Amino acid sequence: MATDPVTLDRLTSETVELLQALIRNQCVNDGAVTSGHEDRSARLLRDELESTGVDFQTYELEPGRTSLVARWEGTDPSAPALCLMGHTDVVPVSPDGWLRDPFGGDLVRNQRGVEEVWGRGAVDMLNLTASMTVAFRHLLTSGKRYPGDIVYFAVADEEAGGKYGAQPLVRDEWDALRCDWVLTEFGGIPVHSPKGSTILVTTAEKGVGWRRLTVKGSPGHGSAPWGTDNALVKAAEVVRRLTEYRPTPKLDEMWGARVQAMGLPEDLHRKLLDPSALGDALHELPPEVARYSHACCHTTFSPNVISGGVKTNVIPDKVVLEVDIRTLPGETGDDVMAHLRTALGDAMDWVEVEVIHEDASTASATDNPLWSALTSAMSDAYPEAKIIPSIVTGGTDARFFRQRGAVAYGAGLLSSEVDGGEFFRRFHGHNERIDRESLRLTTKLWLDVIDRLWI
């Protein structure tokens, strides 16, 4: 279904307006069951689709934690089905770090004359959710039918692990969500260098191995600290050892392709492929690029929450640390424990370890019709670019579909206005925003992929 320029401009405007509305709904997910309030956006998206006559269902797994599923049936019941999945929740925000209201959804023209939508979720991932909605609605109103079903899935609770969204729905409501292919966040990031352009598409994601470490000590009076068994002091040493731990990197074919895409000087390129030189080489990259690159080839440990102590003059006998551990492909819970023992050494004797959340790394192959249709559609916008598979360091709801045997990719298509470093600065960061051209490219991408998928 070719999209003429006038129609595409209209659809892009619709994507902009819907993105603004989704941002203003403030579906902030801090991990608590009472947060999220995704029912606001589920109602909005239901209203967007209701006039099309498509069948849809809503699932409220906890009060206010609502997801929406719609299915546009194909003409061939045996044909593979495609799911467009976007989440409606966003992470919390620190307004003091923003130049604009993070939930204002402002459309602003920057100093280069580029229109941008500002607000929490503009990058992660309400831009994709809005464009998927507009593309899906356009398909419905066009009346065109495809061999396979097209499933639209606006899901709650992605930002806190999917406990009130994709995880139980994929497990318990598979008849409603049944599909063979999934497109979701995030990918389609163009990387330009003197050696050419590359587009990264997410085909894999690291695993999650969150752990709660309880450090024990003995209580005492804070006025006489010498020689005491202070759990907070011991916890500080645990944090120090975790942050200084240097696990062995995994430099596989995907890593080699990523390094090739950077178009770096030959000496730096070579060092990034050498495990013994990699650590020093990362310091030669821009900080945002180095940070993400390191995470792509290492198991990582980030102590992010600490609690303990009862009073200023009481030596604490217990301190609890929560550590965000992200595992490489092939690693298990046993590997996480082995890493902790190596990192902490004799300090492991002070620590009790509890699993908070665990999911193995997942990946999808690229020898299938979805990859062919996706790369073909991306090549329309970037004809000279090389499109390569990539691993994402955070978790997405794609893993639940991969565990069901579906092929799942993180896609979308950014304009050249947003380079990789800037994209990652905006991801969960201050002043999150997306330009109109990226919204146009992404809206068109979904339509182009669907048009080529069942050929």
Protein backbone atom coordinates (compact mmCIF):
# COMPACT_ATOMS: atom_id res chain seq x y z
CA MET A 1 0.00 0.00 0.00
CA ALA A 2 2.05 2.92 -1.28
CA THR A 3 1.72 6.03 0.89
CA ASP A 4 1.61 9.26 -1.09
CA PRO A 5 3.34 12.36 0.35
CA VAL A 6 0.11 14.13 1.27
CA THR A 7 -1.22 11.10 3.14
CA LEU A 8 2.12 10.58 4.87
CA ASP A 9 2.17 14.21 6.02
CA ARG A 10 -1.30 13.75 7.48
CA LEU A 11 -0.34 10.52 9.21
CA THR A 12 2.80 12.14 10.61
CA SER A 13 0.72 14.97 12.07
CA GLU A 14 -1.56 12.38 13.63
CA THR A 15 1.46 10.63 15.14
CA VAL A 16 2.73 13.93 16.56
CA GLU A 17 -0.65 14.73 18.13
CA LEU A 18 -1.09 11.24 19.57
CA LEU A 19 2.45 11.26 20.99
CA GLN A 20 1.70 14.57 22.70
CA ALA A 21 -1.47 13.14 24.22
CA LEU A 22 0.31 10.01 25.45
CA ILE A 23 3.03 12.11 27.10
CA ARG A 24 0.40 14.28 28.82
CA ASN A 25 -1.26 11.19 30.30
CA GLN A 26 1.71 10.85 32.69
CA CYS A 27 1.67 7.06 32.94
CA VAL A 28 4.69 7.05 35.27
CA ASN A 29 5.76 3.60 36.44
CA ASP A 30 7.98 3.58 39.52
CA GLY A 31 7.65 -0.16 40.03
CA ALA A 32 4.83 0.00 42.58
CA VAL A 33 1.60 -1.80 41.70
CA THR A 34 -0.28 1.46 42.33
CA SER A 35 1.79 3.43 39.80
CA GLY A 36 1.61 3.41 36.01
CA HIS A 37 -2.07 4.37 35.56
CA GLU A 38 -1.86 3.00 32.02
CA ASP A 39 -5.65 2.86 31.87
CA ARG A 40 -5.47 6.55 30.85
CA SER A 41 -3.65 5.70 27.65
CA ALA A 42 -5.53 2.44 27.11
CA ARG A 43 -8.75 4.48 27.00
CA LEU A 44 -7.15 7.02 24.66
CA LEU A 45 -5.96 4.33 22.26
CA ARG A 46 -9.27 2.48 22.44
CA ASP A 47 -11.00 5.69 21.37
CA GLU A 48 -8.52 6.04 18.49
CA LEU A 49 -9.46 2.59 17.18
CA GLU A 50 -13.12 2.27 18.15
CA SER A 51 -14.53 3.86 14.99
CA THR A 52 -12.66 1.37 12.76
CA GLY A 53 -14.80 -1.57 13.84
CA VAL A 54 -11.79 -3.72 14.77
CA ASP A 55 -12.24 -6.22 17.58
CA PHE A 56 -10.23 -5.34 20.66
CA GLN A 57 -9.92 -6.46 24.24
CA THR A 58 -8.61 -4.75 27.36
CA TYR A 59 -6.92 -6.51 30.27
CA GLU A 60 -6.69 -4.81 33.67
CA LEU A 61 -4.35 -7.03 35.68
CA GLU A 62 -4.36 -4.65 38.65
CA PRO A 63 -6.47 -1.52 39.17
CA GLY A 64 -5.40 1.01 36.55
CA ARG A 65 -2.83 -1.33 34.92
CA THR A 66 -4.62 -1.80 31.62
CA SER A 67 -3.32 -3.21 28.32
CA LEU A 68 -5.15 -3.25 25.00
CA VAL A 69 -5.06 -5.89 22.24
CA ALA A 70 -6.65 -5.59 18.79
CA ARG A 71 -6.45 -8.09 15.93
CA TRP A 72 -7.00 -7.35 12.22
CA GLU A 73 -7.63 -10.76 10.74
CA GLY A 74 -5.88 -11.78 7.54
CA THR A 75 -7.24 -13.63 4.55
CA ASP A 76 -5.24 -16.81 5.12
CA PRO A 77 -5.63 -18.48 8.54
CA SER A 78 -2.40 -20.43 7.97
CA ALA A 79 -0.27 -17.34 7.27
CA PRO A 80 2.12 -16.01 9.94
CA ALA A 81 0.81 -13.17 12.11
CA LEU A 82 2.60 -9.91 12.94
CA CYS A 83 2.33 -8.05 16.25
CA LEU A 84 3.04 -4.33 16.64
CA MET A 85 3.80 -3.90 20.35
CA GLY A 86 4.27 -0.59 22.13
CA HIS A 87 4.24 0.09 25.85
CA THR A 88 2.33 2.98 27.38
CA ASP A 89 4.19 3.48 30.67
CA VAL A 90 7.20 5.74 31.20
CA VAL A 91 9.93 5.99 33.82
CA PRO A 92 9.91 8.62 36.58
CA VAL A 93 11.39 12.03 35.93
CA SER A 94 13.32 14.72 37.84
CA PRO A 95 11.65 17.94 36.59
CA ASP A 96 14.44 20.19 37.91
CA GLY A 97 16.76 18.84 35.20
CA TRP A 98 14.42 19.76 32.34
CA LEU A 99 14.20 22.92 30.26
CA ARG A 100 10.48 22.26 29.65
CA ASP A 101 7.59 20.58 31.39
CA PRO A 102 8.40 16.85 31.05
CA PHE A 103 4.70 16.09 30.67
CA GLY A 104 3.76 19.09 28.54
CA GLY A 105 4.19 17.30 25.22
CA ASP A 106 5.36 20.58 23.70
CA LEU A 107 6.04 20.78 19.96
CA VAL A 108 9.06 23.06 19.67
CA ARG A 109 11.17 24.26 16.77
CA ASN A 110 14.84 24.09 17.77
CA GLN A 111 17.65 26.43 16.74
CA ARG A 112 18.17 24.48 13.51
CA GLY A 113 14.51 24.85 12.59
CA VAL A 114 13.69 21.22 13.40
CA GLU A 115 10.35 20.47 15.08
CA GLU A 116 10.63 18.25 18.15
CA VAL A 117 8.10 16.78 20.59
CA TRP A 118 9.35 17.14 24.17
CA GLY A 119 8.40 14.96 27.11
CA ARG A 120 9.02 11.83 29.11
CA GLY A 121 8.50 8.88 26.79
CA ALA A 122 9.19 10.79 23.56
CA VAL A 123 12.11 8.39 22.95
CA ASP A 124 11.18 5.49 25.24
CA MET A 125 8.85 4.45 23.64
CA LEU A 126 5.72 6.51 23.17
CA ASN A 127 7.03 7.67 19.78
CA LEU A 128 6.82 4.09 18.55
CA THR A 129 3.52 3.39 20.31
CA ALA A 130 1.94 6.48 18.71
CA SER A 131 3.28 5.70 15.22
CA MET A 132 2.16 2.06 15.48
CA THR A 133 -1.34 3.21 16.45
CA VAL A 134 -1.58 5.63 13.54
CA ALA A 135 -0.23 3.07 11.05
CA PHE A 136 -2.56 0.34 12.34
CA ARG A 137 -5.58 2.64 12.18
CA HIS A 138 -4.63 3.66 8.64
CA LEU A 139 -4.53 0.01 7.61
CA LEU A 140 -7.96 -0.58 9.12
CA THR A 141 -9.58 2.39 7.42
CA SER A 142 -7.94 1.59 4.07
CA GLY A 143 -9.82 -1.71 3.95
CA LYS A 144 -6.81 -3.55 2.56
CA ARG A 145 -6.39 -7.10 3.84
CA TYR A 146 -3.18 -9.08 4.14
CA PRO A 147 -2.67 -12.84 4.29
CA GLY A 148 -1.66 -12.85 7.96
CA ASP A 149 -3.27 -11.31 11.02
CA ILE A 150 -1.94 -7.99 12.30
CA VAL A 151 -2.05 -7.69 16.10
CA TYR A 152 -1.84 -4.34 17.85
CA PHE A 153 -0.66 -4.56 21.48
CA ALA A 154 -0.51 -1.47 23.73
CA VAL A 155 0.94 -2.91 26.91
CA ALA A 156 1.32 -1.74 30.50
CA ASP A 157 4.23 -2.13 32.92
CA GLU A 158 7.11 -2.64 30.50
CA GLU A 159 9.32 -0.27 32.49
CA ALA A 160 9.15 -2.43 35.62
CA GLY A 161 9.57 -5.88 34.11
CA GLY A 162 6.14 -6.67 32.68
CA LYS A 163 4.63 -8.22 35.82
CA TYR A 164 1.33 -6.42 35.22
CA GLY A 165 1.55 -6.50 31.45
CA ALA A 166 3.27 -8.65 28.85
CA GLN A 167 4.61 -11.41 31.07
CA PRO A 168 1.24 -12.78 32.30
CA LEU A 169 -0.63 -11.82 29.13
CA VAL A 170 1.75 -13.72 26.85
CA ARG A 171 1.56 -16.64 29.25
CA ASP A 172 -2.19 -16.69 29.93
CA GLU A 173 -3.82 -14.92 26.95
CA TRP A 174 -1.84 -16.36 24.07
CA ASP A 175 -4.97 -16.93 21.98
CA ALA A 176 -5.48 -13.16 21.88
CA LEU A 177 -1.79 -12.34 21.29
CA ARG A 178 -0.80 -15.30 19.12
CA CYS A 179 1.75 -14.20 16.53
CA ASP A 180 4.89 -15.33 14.75
CA TRP A 181 6.62 -11.96 14.33
CA VAL A 182 6.91 -8.96 16.66
CA LEU A 183 8.10 -5.40 16.10
CA THR A 184 8.76 -3.31 19.20
CA GLU A 185 11.45 -1.08 20.77
CA PHE A 186 14.13 -0.04 20.01
CA GLY A 187 16.23 0.11 16.85
CA GLY A 188 16.60 1.86 13.55
CA ILE A 189 19.40 4.08 14.82
CA PRO A 190 21.57 5.36 11.94
CA VAL A 191 25.29 5.62 12.60
CA HIS A 192 27.21 7.78 10.15
CA SER A 193 30.97 7.71 9.69
CA PRO A 194 33.52 8.51 6.97
CA LYS A 195 33.39 4.82 6.04
CA GLY A 196 29.63 4.86 5.41
CA SER A 197 26.32 4.57 7.24
CA THR A 198 24.98 1.73 9.35
CA ILE A 199 21.56 1.15 10.89
CA LEU A 200 21.31 -0.87 14.08
CA VAL A 201 18.31 -3.17 14.53
CA THR A 202 17.81 -4.94 17.84
CA THR A 203 17.71 -8.70 17.43
CA ALA A 204 18.84 -9.66 20.95
CA GLU A 205 18.78 -8.35 24.49
CA LYS A 206 20.81 -9.01 27.58
CA GLY A 207 19.40 -10.97 30.46
CA VAL A 208 18.26 -9.60 33.79
CA GLY A 209 19.79 -10.91 37.02
CA TRP A 210 18.72 -8.39 39.67
CA ARG A 211 19.94 -9.31 43.15
CA ARG A 212 19.26 -8.05 46.67
CA LEU A 213 22.37 -8.22 48.85
CA THR A 214 21.80 -8.09 52.60
CA VAL A 215 24.95 -7.15 54.51
CA LYS A 216 24.94 -8.10 58.19
CA GLY A 217 26.77 -6.44 61.09
CA SER A 218 26.28 -5.86 64.81
CA PRO A 219 24.51 -2.92 66.47
CA GLY A 220 26.30 -0.55 68.80
CA HIS A 221 26.52 3.03 69.99
CA GLY A 222 27.54 5.50 67.31
CA SER A 223 29.66 7.49 69.77
CA ALA A 224 32.22 4.65 69.98
CA PRO A 225 32.69 3.35 66.41
CA TRP A 226 36.26 2.03 66.64
CA GLY A 227 36.43 -1.69 65.89
CA THR A 228 32.68 -2.12 65.51
CA ASP A 229 30.94 -4.41 63.03
CA ASN A 230 29.22 -1.63 61.06
CA ALA A 231 27.05 -3.08 58.29
CA LEU A 232 27.11 0.23 56.38
CA VAL A 233 30.92 0.27 56.27
CA LYS A 234 30.90 -3.32 55.05
CA ALA A 235 28.24 -2.47 52.45
CA ALA A 236 30.44 0.35 51.18
CA GLU A 237 33.22 -2.17 50.63
CA VAL A 238 30.81 -4.47 48.80
CA VAL A 239 29.84 -1.59 46.50
CA ARG A 240 33.49 -0.71 45.92
CA ARG A 241 34.35 -4.27 44.92
CA LEU A 242 31.36 -4.54 42.62
CA THR A 243 32.17 -1.31 40.80
CA GLU A 244 35.83 -2.29 40.40
CA TYR A 245 35.05 -5.80 39.15
CA ARG A 246 36.18 -6.39 35.57
CA PRO A 247 34.57 -9.53 34.08
CA THR A 248 35.89 -10.97 30.84
CA PRO A 249 34.32 -9.33 27.77
CA LYS A 250 32.48 -11.33 25.13
CA LEU A 251 33.61 -10.13 21.70
CA ASP A 252 31.39 -12.05 19.28
CA GLU A 253 30.30 -11.42 15.68
CA MET A 254 27.65 -8.94 16.78
CA TRP A 255 30.31 -6.95 18.63
CA GLY A 256 32.58 -7.03 15.60
CA ALA A 257 29.77 -5.69 13.40
CA ARG A 258 29.07 -2.89 15.88
CA VAL A 259 32.71 -1.84 15.95
CA GLN A 260 32.85 -1.95 12.15
CA ALA A 261 29.80 0.32 12.02
CA MET A 262 31.52 3.01 14.08
CA GLY A 263 33.95 3.79 11.25
CA LEU A 264 36.81 4.41 13.69
CA PRO A 265 40.51 4.90 12.98
CA GLU A 266 42.23 1.59 12.34
CA ASP A 267 44.24 1.58 15.57
CA LEU A 268 41.18 2.19 17.77
CA HIS A 269 39.17 -0.33 15.75
CA ARG A 270 41.82 -2.96 16.35
CA LYS A 271 42.00 -2.27 20.10
CA LEU A 272 38.23 -2.58 20.50
CA LEU A 273 38.47 -6.12 19.09
CA ASP A 274 41.32 -7.05 21.45
CA PRO A 275 40.13 -8.18 24.93
CA SER A 276 43.39 -7.07 26.51
CA ALA A 277 43.17 -3.57 25.01
CA LEU A 278 39.41 -3.03 25.16
CA GLY A 279 39.35 -1.32 28.56
CA ASP A 280 41.75 1.41 27.51
CA ALA A 281 40.13 1.74 24.09
CA LEU A 282 36.72 2.52 25.58
CA HIS A 283 38.19 5.67 27.14
CA GLU A 284 38.91 6.98 23.65
CA LEU A 285 35.21 6.94 22.70
CA PRO A 286 32.63 9.62 23.59
CA PRO A 287 31.28 8.85 27.09
CA GLU A 288 27.76 7.86 26.01
CA VAL A 289 29.08 5.62 23.22
CA ALA A 290 31.68 4.08 25.53
CA ARG A 291 29.14 3.38 28.26
CA TYR A 292 26.74 1.58 25.92
CA SER A 293 29.53 -0.22 24.07
CA HIS A 294 30.95 -1.55 27.32
CA ALA A 295 27.53 -2.88 28.33
CA CYS A 296 27.11 -4.66 24.97
CA CYS A 297 30.05 -6.97 25.62
CA HIS A 298 30.23 -7.32 29.42
CA THR A 299 28.09 -8.63 32.22
CA THR A 300 27.40 -5.46 34.20
CA PHE A 301 26.79 -4.68 37.89
CA SER A 302 25.16 -1.45 39.00
CA PRO A 303 24.39 -0.99 42.73
CA ASN A 304 21.41 1.36 42.55
CA VAL A 305 19.44 1.14 45.83
CA ILE A 306 20.64 1.13 49.44
CA SER A 307 18.68 1.07 52.67
CA GLY A 308 19.68 0.54 56.29
CA GLY A 309 20.26 2.08 59.65
CA VAL A 310 17.69 3.21 62.18
CA LYS A 311 19.13 6.29 63.92
CA THR A 312 22.09 8.63 63.69
CA ASN A 313 23.66 7.34 66.92
CA VAL A 314 23.04 3.62 66.30
CA ILE A 315 25.57 1.53 64.39
CA PRO A 316 23.55 -0.37 61.77
CA ASP A 317 23.38 -4.16 61.95
CA LYS A 318 21.85 -4.56 58.48
CA VAL A 319 22.13 -2.77 55.15
CA VAL A 320 20.34 -3.88 51.98
CA LEU A 321 21.71 -3.24 48.50
CA GLU A 322 19.79 -3.78 45.27
CA VAL A 323 22.02 -4.45 42.28
CA ASP A 324 21.02 -4.27 38.62
CA ILE A 325 22.93 -7.13 36.98
CA ARG A 326 22.63 -7.62 33.21
CA THR A 327 23.86 -10.91 31.80
CA LEU A 328 25.31 -11.86 28.44
CA PRO A 329 23.81 -14.49 26.13
CA GLY A 330 24.23 -17.98 27.57
CA GLU A 331 24.64 -16.92 31.20
CA THR A 332 22.45 -18.35 33.96
CA GLY A 333 21.67 -17.63 37.58
CA ASP A 334 24.60 -19.86 38.54
CA ASP A 335 26.87 -17.62 36.47
CA VAL A 336 25.57 -14.57 38.35
CA MET A 337 26.52 -16.18 41.65
CA ALA A 338 29.94 -17.09 40.28
CA HIS A 339 30.46 -13.47 39.22
CA LEU A 340 29.47 -12.24 42.69
CA ARG A 341 31.85 -14.64 44.40
CA THR A 342 34.70 -13.52 42.14
CA ALA A 343 33.88 -9.83 42.55
CA LEU A 344 33.41 -9.85 46.33
CA GLY A 345 36.00 -12.42 47.39
CA ASP A 346 36.02 -12.81 51.19
CA ALA A 347 33.36 -10.07 51.47
CA MET A 348 30.91 -12.67 50.16
CA ASP A 349 30.94 -14.06 53.73
CA TRP A 350 29.11 -10.93 54.88
CA VAL A 351 26.39 -11.11 52.29
CA GLU A 352 23.09 -12.92 51.86
CA VAL A 353 21.91 -13.00 48.22
CA GLU A 354 18.27 -12.95 47.12
CA VAL A 355 16.91 -13.04 43.57
CA ILE A 356 14.73 -10.03 42.77
CA HIS A 357 14.14 -10.73 39.08
CA GLU A 358 15.70 -13.06 36.56
CA ASP A 359 15.31 -13.48 32.83
CA ALA A 360 17.77 -15.08 30.44
CA SER A 361 19.13 -13.22 27.45
CA THR A 362 17.07 -13.77 24.30
CA ALA A 363 17.77 -13.42 20.58
CA SER A 364 16.07 -13.83 17.20
CA ALA A 365 17.61 -15.06 13.97
CA THR A 366 17.65 -12.93 10.81
CA ASP A 367 16.94 -15.58 8.16
CA ASN A 368 13.21 -14.94 7.88
CA PRO A 369 10.65 -12.82 5.97
CA LEU A 370 10.35 -10.19 8.73
CA TRP A 371 14.06 -9.35 8.56
CA SER A 372 13.87 -9.16 4.77
CA ALA A 373 10.83 -6.86 4.83
CA LEU A 374 12.27 -4.68 7.59
CA THR A 375 15.68 -4.19 6.00
CA SER A 376 14.10 -3.55 2.60
CA ALA A 377 11.84 -0.86 4.06
CA MET A 378 14.71 0.78 5.94
CA SER A 379 16.77 0.87 2.77
CA ASP A 380 14.14 3.13 1.20
CA ALA A 381 15.14 5.86 3.64
CA TYR A 382 18.87 5.06 3.79
CA PRO A 383 19.77 3.36 0.46
CA GLU A 384 23.51 3.24 1.12
CA ALA A 385 23.32 2.09 4.72
CA LYS A 386 24.34 -1.32 5.94
CA ILE A 387 21.75 -2.79 8.33
CA ILE A 388 23.17 -4.95 11.10
CA PRO A 389 21.79 -6.97 14.04
CA SER A 390 22.42 -5.49 17.47
CA ILE A 391 22.03 -6.39 21.13
CA VAL A 392 20.20 -4.05 23.52
CA THR A 393 21.52 -3.74 27.07
CA GLY A 394 18.15 -3.17 28.75
CA GLY A 395 15.19 -5.49 28.85
CA THR A 396 12.09 -5.25 26.67
CA ASP A 397 8.84 -7.18 26.43
CA ALA A 398 10.20 -8.83 23.29
CA ARG A 399 11.77 -11.50 25.50
CA PHE A 400 8.38 -12.94 26.46
CA PHE A 401 7.47 -13.41 22.81
CA ARG A 402 10.87 -14.92 21.99
CA GLN A 403 10.32 -17.39 24.81
CA ARG A 404 7.12 -18.38 22.96
CA GLY A 405 9.09 -18.98 19.76
CA ALA A 406 8.22 -15.72 17.98
CA VAL A 407 10.79 -13.68 16.08
CA ALA A 408 11.02 -10.24 17.71
CA TYR A 409 12.97 -7.17 16.63
CA GLY A 410 13.44 -3.72 18.07
CA ALA A 411 12.85 -1.32 15.21
CA GLY A 412 11.69 2.18 14.32
CA LEU A 413 13.68 4.59 12.18
CA LEU A 414 15.42 7.72 13.41
CA SER A 415 16.38 10.64 11.23
CA SER A 416 19.95 11.84 10.89
CA GLU A 417 18.99 14.60 13.32
CA VAL A 418 19.60 12.19 16.21
CA ASP A 419 22.96 10.40 16.44
CA GLY A 420 23.51 7.38 18.65
CA GLY A 421 25.18 9.28 21.48
CA GLU A 422 22.41 11.88 21.63
CA PHE A 423 19.75 9.17 21.49
CA PHE A 424 21.18 7.39 24.52
CA ARG A 425 21.51 10.67 26.45
CA ARG A 426 17.79 11.23 26.00
CA PHE A 427 16.84 7.65 26.91
CA HIS A 428 15.55 7.92 30.52
CA GLY A 429 17.41 11.25 30.68
CA HIS A 430 16.63 14.93 30.98
CA ASN A 431 15.06 16.83 28.07
CA GLU A 432 13.82 13.71 26.27
CA ARG A 433 12.48 14.60 22.82
CA ILE A 434 12.04 13.28 19.28
CA ASP A 435 12.04 15.14 15.98
CA ARG A 436 9.13 15.16 13.55
CA GLU A 437 11.16 13.58 10.76
CA SER A 438 11.86 10.51 12.91
CA LEU A 439 8.13 10.21 13.53
CA ARG A 440 7.48 10.42 9.80
CA LEU A 441 10.12 7.81 8.98
CA THR A 442 8.84 5.43 11.64
CA THR A 443 5.16 5.76 10.74
CA LYS A 444 6.06 5.02 7.13
CA LEU A 445 8.29 2.14 8.16
CA TRP A 446 5.46 0.14 9.75
CA LEU A 447 3.30 0.53 6.64
CA ASP A 448 6.16 -0.38 4.30
CA VAL A 449 7.12 -3.46 6.31
CA ILE A 450 3.55 -4.74 6.34
CA ASP A 451 3.23 -4.14 2.61
CA ARG A 452 6.29 -6.33 1.91
CA LEU A 453 5.93 -8.95 4.62
CA TRP A 454 3.70 -11.56 3.01
CA ILE A 455 4.98 -11.19 -0.56
